[in-house]
Amino acid sequence: MFNEKAQVALPFILIVSGVIVEIVIASSFVAYFLSNSGLGARLQTQAQVAADAGIWDALSRISGNKDFTTSQTVYGLASGSGSATVTVTRTTVNTNGTYVYTVQSLGTAGTREKYVVATAVVDQVTGQMQVQSINEQAVQ
């Protein structure tokens, strides 16, 4: 009589413990994916902030010195939790006496990247700067 109860109890315990283990594993996956989705959004924002900081830093340098670069300058910039690689390229338009600056900023935070490009026109004589555009583009 004790033998039959033991034979029924073992499969019951195995089934119940298996269900509990499955619930724990499923809960772990749900918690992992929920935490990663928030982290991804935060990294995306940090990358955007770093890219924007790179653009504004380069435009600030250009406004302070109309001859900031003669052809192309690349430099790095740390911003909060992200960083940016900034490329400044200058072309000269002799017909109207202006420099056309193209600023490219690749902001990175963790595994996320944002790419922002700005164009500014600077008068060679007066140094007056006009920002033509600032656009986010696809990372290449």
N, C-alpha and C. Protein backbone atom coordinates (compact mmCIF):
# COMPACT_ATOMS: atom_id res chain seq x y z
N MET A 1 0.81 -1.18 0.00
CA MET A 1 0.00 0.00 0.00
C MET A 1 0.87 1.26 0.00
N PHE A 2 1.96 1.31 0.76
CA PHE A 2 2.85 2.46 0.77
C PHE A 2 3.58 2.58 -0.57
N ASN A 3 3.80 1.48 -1.19
CA ASN A 3 4.50 1.46 -2.47
C ASN A 3 3.72 2.18 -3.55
N GLU A 4 2.39 2.03 -3.58
CA GLU A 4 1.55 2.66 -4.60
C GLU A 4 1.51 4.18 -4.40
N LYS A 5 1.48 4.67 -3.17
CA LYS A 5 1.47 6.11 -2.91
C LYS A 5 2.79 6.73 -3.34
N ALA A 6 3.87 6.05 -3.12
CA ALA A 6 5.18 6.56 -3.51
C ALA A 6 5.28 6.63 -5.03
N GLN A 7 4.69 5.67 -5.72
CA GLN A 7 4.73 5.67 -7.18
C GLN A 7 3.92 6.83 -7.75
N VAL A 8 2.86 7.24 -7.10
CA VAL A 8 2.03 8.36 -7.56
C VAL A 8 2.67 9.69 -7.18
N ALA A 9 3.31 9.77 -6.04
CA ALA A 9 3.87 11.02 -5.54
C ALA A 9 5.06 11.47 -6.38
N LEU A 10 5.90 10.58 -6.82
CA LEU A 10 7.09 10.95 -7.59
C LEU A 10 6.73 11.64 -8.90
N PRO A 11 5.87 11.09 -9.75
CA PRO A 11 5.51 11.81 -10.98
C PRO A 11 4.83 13.16 -10.69
N PHE A 12 4.02 13.21 -9.64
CA PHE A 12 3.35 14.47 -9.29
C PHE A 12 4.37 15.55 -8.92
N ILE A 13 5.34 15.18 -8.11
CA ILE A 13 6.40 16.13 -7.71
C ILE A 13 7.22 16.56 -8.91
N LEU A 14 7.53 15.64 -9.80
CA LEU A 14 8.30 15.99 -11.00
C LEU A 14 7.52 16.94 -11.91
N ILE A 15 6.23 16.71 -12.06
CA ILE A 15 5.40 17.58 -12.91
C ILE A 15 5.29 18.97 -12.31
N VAL A 16 5.03 19.05 -11.01
CA VAL A 16 4.90 20.36 -10.35
C VAL A 16 6.23 21.12 -10.40
N SER A 17 7.33 20.46 -10.13
CA SER A 17 8.63 21.14 -10.15
C SER A 17 8.99 21.57 -11.58
N GLY A 18 8.62 20.77 -12.57
CA GLY A 18 8.86 21.15 -13.97
C GLY A 18 8.09 22.40 -14.36
N VAL A 19 6.82 22.50 -13.92
CA VAL A 19 6.02 23.69 -14.19
C VAL A 19 6.62 24.91 -13.50
N ILE A 20 7.08 24.76 -12.29
CA ILE A 20 7.70 25.87 -11.56
C ILE A 20 8.97 26.33 -12.27
N VAL A 21 9.79 25.39 -12.71
CA VAL A 21 11.02 25.75 -13.42
C VAL A 21 10.69 26.50 -14.71
N GLU A 22 9.68 26.05 -15.46
CA GLU A 22 9.29 26.73 -16.69
C GLU A 22 8.81 28.16 -16.41
N ILE A 23 8.06 28.35 -15.34
CA ILE A 23 7.59 29.69 -14.98
C ILE A 23 8.77 30.59 -14.63
N VAL A 24 9.73 30.08 -13.89
CA VAL A 24 10.91 30.86 -13.53
C VAL A 24 11.71 31.25 -14.78
N ILE A 25 11.90 30.32 -15.69
CA ILE A 25 12.66 30.60 -16.92
C ILE A 25 11.92 31.63 -17.77
N ALA A 26 10.62 31.49 -17.94
CA ALA A 26 9.83 32.45 -18.72
C ALA A 26 9.88 33.83 -18.08
N SER A 27 9.79 33.90 -16.77
CA SER A 27 9.86 35.19 -16.07
C SER A 27 11.21 35.84 -16.26
N SER A 28 12.27 35.04 -16.25
CA SER A 28 13.62 35.58 -16.47
C SER A 28 13.75 36.19 -17.85
N PHE A 29 13.23 35.51 -18.87
CA PHE A 29 13.28 36.04 -20.23
C PHE A 29 12.49 37.34 -20.35
N VAL A 30 11.32 37.39 -19.76
CA VAL A 30 10.49 38.60 -19.81
C VAL A 30 11.22 39.76 -19.13
N ALA A 31 11.79 39.51 -17.96
CA ALA A 31 12.52 40.56 -17.25
C ALA A 31 13.73 41.03 -18.05
N TYR A 32 14.44 40.11 -18.67
CA TYR A 32 15.62 40.46 -19.48
C TYR A 32 15.22 41.36 -20.65
N PHE A 33 14.19 40.97 -21.39
CA PHE A 33 13.79 41.75 -22.56
C PHE A 33 13.22 43.11 -22.18
N LEU A 34 12.49 43.19 -21.07
CA LEU A 34 11.98 44.48 -20.62
C LEU A 34 13.12 45.40 -20.20
N SER A 35 14.11 44.86 -19.54
CA SER A 35 15.24 45.69 -19.12
C SER A 35 16.06 46.13 -20.32
N ASN A 36 16.24 45.28 -21.30
CA ASN A 36 17.01 45.65 -22.50
C ASN A 36 16.29 46.68 -23.34
N SER A 37 14.99 46.64 -23.41
CA SER A 37 14.27 47.62 -24.22
C SER A 37 14.45 49.01 -23.64
N GLY A 38 14.45 49.15 -22.33
CA GLY A 38 14.71 50.44 -21.70
C GLY A 38 16.15 50.88 -21.89
N LEU A 39 17.07 49.96 -21.82
CA LEU A 39 18.48 50.27 -22.02
C LEU A 39 18.73 50.73 -23.45
N GLY A 40 18.09 50.08 -24.41
CA GLY A 40 18.28 50.45 -25.81
C GLY A 40 17.81 51.87 -26.08
N ALA A 41 16.68 52.24 -25.52
CA ALA A 41 16.16 53.60 -25.70
C ALA A 41 17.09 54.62 -25.04
N ARG A 42 17.62 54.29 -23.89
CA ARG A 42 18.53 55.20 -23.20
C ARG A 42 19.82 55.36 -23.99
N LEU A 43 20.37 54.26 -24.52
CA LEU A 43 21.59 54.35 -25.33
C LEU A 43 21.36 55.15 -26.61
N GLN A 44 20.18 54.98 -27.21
CA GLN A 44 19.84 55.72 -28.42
C GLN A 44 19.84 57.23 -28.13
N THR A 45 19.26 57.61 -27.01
CA THR A 45 19.21 59.02 -26.62
C THR A 45 20.61 59.56 -26.34
N GLN A 46 21.43 58.77 -25.66
CA GLN A 46 22.80 59.21 -25.36
C GLN A 46 23.61 59.37 -26.64
N ALA A 47 23.42 58.49 -27.62
CA ALA A 47 24.12 58.61 -28.89
C ALA A 47 23.67 59.87 -29.63
N GLN A 48 22.37 60.17 -29.58
CA GLN A 48 21.85 61.39 -30.22
C GLN A 48 22.44 62.63 -29.57
N VAL A 49 22.50 62.65 -28.25
CA VAL A 49 23.06 63.80 -27.52
C VAL A 49 24.53 63.98 -27.88
N ALA A 50 25.28 62.89 -27.97
CA ALA A 50 26.70 62.97 -28.33
C ALA A 50 26.88 63.50 -29.74
N ALA A 51 26.07 63.03 -30.69
CA ALA A 51 26.16 63.51 -32.08
C ALA A 51 25.83 64.99 -32.17
N ASP A 52 24.77 65.41 -31.47
CA ASP A 52 24.40 66.83 -31.47
C ASP A 52 25.49 67.69 -30.83
N ALA A 53 26.09 67.20 -29.76
CA ALA A 53 27.17 67.94 -29.10
C ALA A 53 28.35 68.10 -30.04
N GLY A 54 28.65 67.08 -30.84
CA GLY A 54 29.73 67.17 -31.81
C GLY A 54 29.45 68.23 -32.87
N ILE A 55 28.21 68.28 -33.35
CA ILE A 55 27.82 69.29 -34.35
C ILE A 55 27.98 70.69 -33.77
N TRP A 56 27.43 70.92 -32.58
CA TRP A 56 27.47 72.26 -32.00
C TRP A 56 28.88 72.66 -31.59
N ASP A 57 29.71 71.71 -31.18
CA ASP A 57 31.09 72.03 -30.86
C ASP A 57 31.83 72.49 -32.12
N ALA A 58 31.65 71.78 -33.22
CA ALA A 58 32.33 72.16 -34.47
C ALA A 58 31.83 73.52 -34.97
N LEU A 59 30.51 73.73 -34.92
CA LEU A 59 29.99 75.03 -35.35
C LEU A 59 30.51 76.16 -34.47
N SER A 60 30.67 75.90 -33.19
CA SER A 60 31.24 76.89 -32.28
C SER A 60 32.69 77.21 -32.64
N ARG A 61 33.45 76.18 -32.97
CA ARG A 61 34.85 76.39 -33.37
C ARG A 61 34.94 77.18 -34.67
N ILE A 62 34.04 76.88 -35.60
CA ILE A 62 34.03 77.59 -36.89
C ILE A 62 33.64 79.05 -36.68
N SER A 63 32.64 79.30 -35.84
CA SER A 63 32.22 80.68 -35.61
C SER A 63 33.31 81.50 -34.93
N GLY A 64 34.16 80.85 -34.15
CA GLY A 64 35.27 81.54 -33.50
C GLY A 64 36.46 81.75 -34.41
N ASN A 65 36.56 80.95 -35.47
CA ASN A 65 37.70 81.04 -36.39
C ASN A 65 37.22 80.65 -37.78
N LYS A 66 37.00 81.63 -38.65
CA LYS A 66 36.46 81.33 -39.98
C LYS A 66 37.40 80.46 -40.80
N ASP A 67 38.69 80.44 -40.45
CA ASP A 67 39.68 79.59 -41.12
C ASP A 67 40.00 78.36 -40.28
N PHE A 68 38.98 77.77 -39.67
CA PHE A 68 39.16 76.66 -38.72
C PHE A 68 39.95 75.51 -39.33
N THR A 69 39.68 75.16 -40.56
CA THR A 69 40.40 74.08 -41.21
C THR A 69 40.60 74.45 -42.68
N THR A 70 41.64 73.93 -43.27
CA THR A 70 41.89 74.23 -44.68
C THR A 70 41.30 73.17 -45.59
N SER A 71 41.19 71.94 -45.12
CA SER A 71 40.60 70.90 -45.96
C SER A 71 39.69 70.00 -45.13
N GLN A 72 40.28 69.18 -44.27
CA GLN A 72 39.48 68.26 -43.45
C GLN A 72 40.15 68.07 -42.10
N THR A 73 39.32 68.11 -41.05
CA THR A 73 39.79 67.90 -39.69
C THR A 73 38.89 66.87 -39.02
N VAL A 74 39.49 65.90 -38.35
CA VAL A 74 38.74 64.88 -37.62
C VAL A 74 39.20 64.91 -36.17
N TYR A 75 38.24 64.95 -35.25
CA TYR A 75 38.59 64.92 -33.83
C TYR A 75 37.49 64.22 -33.04
N GLY A 76 37.82 63.81 -31.84
CA GLY A 76 36.89 63.11 -30.97
C GLY A 76 36.38 64.04 -29.88
N LEU A 77 35.21 63.71 -29.37
CA LEU A 77 34.59 64.52 -28.34
C LEU A 77 33.83 63.60 -27.39
N ALA A 78 34.10 63.71 -26.10
CA ALA A 78 33.37 62.91 -25.11
C ALA A 78 32.23 63.76 -24.57
N SER A 79 31.05 63.14 -24.46
CA SER A 79 29.86 63.88 -24.02
C SER A 79 29.03 62.98 -23.10
N GLY A 80 29.07 63.24 -21.81
CA GLY A 80 28.28 62.44 -20.87
C GLY A 80 28.65 60.97 -20.96
N SER A 81 27.69 60.14 -21.31
CA SER A 81 27.92 58.70 -21.41
C SER A 81 28.24 58.26 -22.83
N GLY A 82 28.28 59.20 -23.76
CA GLY A 82 28.57 58.86 -25.15
C GLY A 82 29.80 59.58 -25.64
N SER A 83 30.13 59.34 -26.90
CA SER A 83 31.25 60.05 -27.52
C SER A 83 30.89 60.32 -28.97
N ALA A 84 31.61 61.26 -29.57
CA ALA A 84 31.34 61.62 -30.95
C ALA A 84 32.66 61.72 -31.71
N THR A 85 32.62 61.29 -32.96
CA THR A 85 33.72 61.51 -33.88
C THR A 85 33.24 62.56 -34.87
N VAL A 86 33.93 63.70 -34.89
CA VAL A 86 33.50 64.84 -35.68
C VAL A 86 34.46 65.03 -36.84
N THR A 87 33.89 65.18 -38.04
CA THR A 87 34.68 65.44 -39.23
C THR A 87 34.21 66.77 -39.81
N VAL A 88 35.16 67.72 -39.96
CA VAL A 88 34.84 69.03 -40.51
C VAL A 88 35.58 69.17 -41.84
N THR A 89 34.81 69.45 -42.90
CA THR A 89 35.37 69.61 -44.24
C THR A 89 35.03 71.00 -44.74
N ARG A 90 36.02 71.67 -45.34
CA ARG A 90 35.79 73.01 -45.87
C ARG A 90 36.07 73.04 -47.36
N THR A 91 35.16 73.64 -48.10
CA THR A 91 35.37 73.91 -49.51
C THR A 91 35.22 75.41 -49.72
N THR A 92 35.95 75.94 -50.68
CA THR A 92 35.92 77.37 -50.96
C THR A 92 35.13 77.63 -52.23
N VAL A 93 34.20 78.57 -52.14
CA VAL A 93 33.44 78.99 -53.31
C VAL A 93 33.94 80.39 -53.67
N ASN A 94 34.77 80.46 -54.72
CA ASN A 94 35.41 81.73 -55.07
C ASN A 94 34.46 82.72 -55.72
N THR A 95 33.37 82.24 -56.30
CA THR A 95 32.47 83.16 -57.01
C THR A 95 31.80 84.15 -56.07
N ASN A 96 31.49 83.73 -54.87
CA ASN A 96 30.85 84.67 -53.93
C ASN A 96 31.68 84.85 -52.66
N GLY A 97 32.90 84.38 -52.63
CA GLY A 97 33.80 84.62 -51.50
C GLY A 97 33.35 83.99 -50.20
N THR A 98 32.95 82.72 -50.25
CA THR A 98 32.50 82.05 -49.03
C THR A 98 33.20 80.70 -48.87
N TYR A 99 33.21 80.27 -47.64
CA TYR A 99 33.61 78.91 -47.30
C TYR A 99 32.34 78.12 -47.03
N VAL A 100 32.30 76.90 -47.51
CA VAL A 100 31.19 76.01 -47.18
C VAL A 100 31.75 74.89 -46.30
N TYR A 101 31.28 74.86 -45.07
CA TYR A 101 31.71 73.84 -44.11
C TYR A 101 30.67 72.73 -44.05
N THR A 102 31.13 71.49 -44.09
CA THR A 102 30.28 70.33 -43.86
C THR A 102 30.78 69.66 -42.59
N VAL A 103 29.90 69.55 -41.62
CA VAL A 103 30.26 68.93 -40.34
C VAL A 103 29.50 67.62 -40.22
N GLN A 104 30.24 66.54 -40.01
CA GLN A 104 29.65 65.22 -39.83
C GLN A 104 30.00 64.74 -38.42
N SER A 105 28.99 64.30 -37.70
CA SER A 105 29.20 63.85 -36.32
C SER A 105 28.57 62.47 -36.14
N LEU A 106 29.39 61.51 -35.74
CA LEU A 106 28.91 60.16 -35.45
C LEU A 106 28.94 59.98 -33.94
N GLY A 107 27.75 60.00 -33.34
CA GLY A 107 27.64 59.82 -31.89
C GLY A 107 27.45 58.35 -31.57
N THR A 108 28.16 57.87 -30.56
CA THR A 108 28.04 56.47 -30.15
C THR A 108 27.84 56.39 -28.64
N ALA A 109 27.01 55.44 -28.25
CA ALA A 109 26.80 55.12 -26.84
C ALA A 109 26.51 53.62 -26.78
N GLY A 110 27.42 52.89 -26.20
CA GLY A 110 27.26 51.43 -26.17
C GLY A 110 27.27 50.88 -27.58
N THR A 111 26.21 50.21 -27.95
CA THR A 111 26.12 49.63 -29.29
C THR A 111 25.30 50.50 -30.24
N ARG A 112 24.82 51.63 -29.78
CA ARG A 112 23.96 52.49 -30.60
C ARG A 112 24.77 53.61 -31.24
N GLU A 113 24.39 53.99 -32.46
CA GLU A 113 25.06 55.07 -33.18
C GLU A 113 24.02 56.00 -33.80
N LYS A 114 24.37 57.28 -33.83
CA LYS A 114 23.56 58.30 -34.51
C LYS A 114 24.50 59.13 -35.36
N TYR A 115 24.03 59.52 -36.54
CA TYR A 115 24.86 60.25 -37.50
C TYR A 115 24.14 61.53 -37.88
N VAL A 116 24.77 62.68 -37.63
CA VAL A 116 24.18 63.99 -37.91
C VAL A 116 25.13 64.77 -38.80
N VAL A 117 24.56 65.45 -39.81
CA VAL A 117 25.36 66.24 -40.75
C VAL A 117 24.82 67.67 -40.76
N ALA A 118 25.74 68.63 -40.70
CA ALA A 118 25.36 70.05 -40.76
C ALA A 118 26.15 70.73 -41.87
N THR A 119 25.54 71.76 -42.44
CA THR A 119 26.21 72.56 -43.47
C THR A 119 26.13 74.02 -43.05
N ALA A 120 27.26 74.71 -43.12
CA ALA A 120 27.31 76.13 -42.77
C ALA A 120 28.09 76.88 -43.83
N VAL A 121 27.68 78.12 -44.08
CA VAL A 121 28.35 78.98 -45.05
C VAL A 121 28.96 80.15 -44.27
N VAL A 122 30.26 80.42 -44.51
CA VAL A 122 30.97 81.48 -43.81
C VAL A 122 31.55 82.45 -44.84
N ASP A 123 31.28 83.72 -44.63
CA ASP A 123 31.83 84.75 -45.50
C ASP A 123 33.33 84.88 -45.24
N GLN A 124 34.15 84.88 -46.31
CA GLN A 124 35.60 84.91 -46.15
C GLN A 124 36.08 86.24 -45.58
N VAL A 125 35.39 87.31 -45.85
CA VAL A 125 35.84 88.63 -45.42
C VAL A 125 35.32 88.97 -44.03
N THR A 126 34.01 88.89 -43.83
CA THR A 126 33.42 89.32 -42.56
C THR A 126 33.40 88.22 -41.49
N GLY A 127 33.45 86.98 -41.91
CA GLY A 127 33.39 85.88 -40.96
C GLY A 127 31.98 85.54 -40.52
N GLN A 128 30.97 86.17 -41.13
CA GLN A 128 29.58 85.89 -40.77
C GLN A 128 29.22 84.47 -41.18
N MET A 129 28.62 83.74 -40.24
CA MET A 129 28.29 82.34 -40.49
C MET A 129 26.78 82.16 -40.52
N GLN A 130 26.33 81.36 -41.50
CA GLN A 130 24.92 80.98 -41.59
C GLN A 130 24.85 79.47 -41.63
N VAL A 131 24.11 78.90 -40.70
CA VAL A 131 23.92 77.46 -40.69
C VAL A 131 22.81 77.15 -41.69
N GLN A 132 23.13 76.37 -42.70
CA GLN A 132 22.17 76.04 -43.77
C GLN A 132 21.26 74.89 -43.37
N SER A 133 21.83 73.84 -42.77
CA SER A 133 21.01 72.68 -42.41
C SER A 133 21.69 71.85 -41.34
N ILE A 134 20.87 71.16 -40.57
CA ILE A 134 21.33 70.15 -39.62
C ILE A 134 20.36 68.99 -39.77
N ASN A 135 20.85 67.86 -40.25
CA ASN A 135 19.99 66.70 -40.52
C ASN A 135 20.58 65.44 -39.95
N GLU A 136 19.70 64.60 -39.42
CA GLU A 136 20.12 63.25 -39.03
C GLU A 136 20.04 62.36 -40.26
N GLN A 137 21.06 61.54 -40.46
CA GLN A 137 21.10 60.64 -41.59
C GLN A 137 21.33 59.22 -41.11
N ALA A 138 21.10 58.28 -42.01
CA ALA A 138 21.31 56.88 -41.66
C ALA A 138 22.80 56.61 -41.46
N VAL A 139 23.11 55.79 -40.47
CA VAL A 139 24.50 55.42 -40.21
C VAL A 139 24.96 54.50 -41.33
N GLN A 140 26.13 54.81 -41.87
CA GLN A 140 26.63 54.04 -43.02
C GLN A 140 27.67 53.04 -42.61
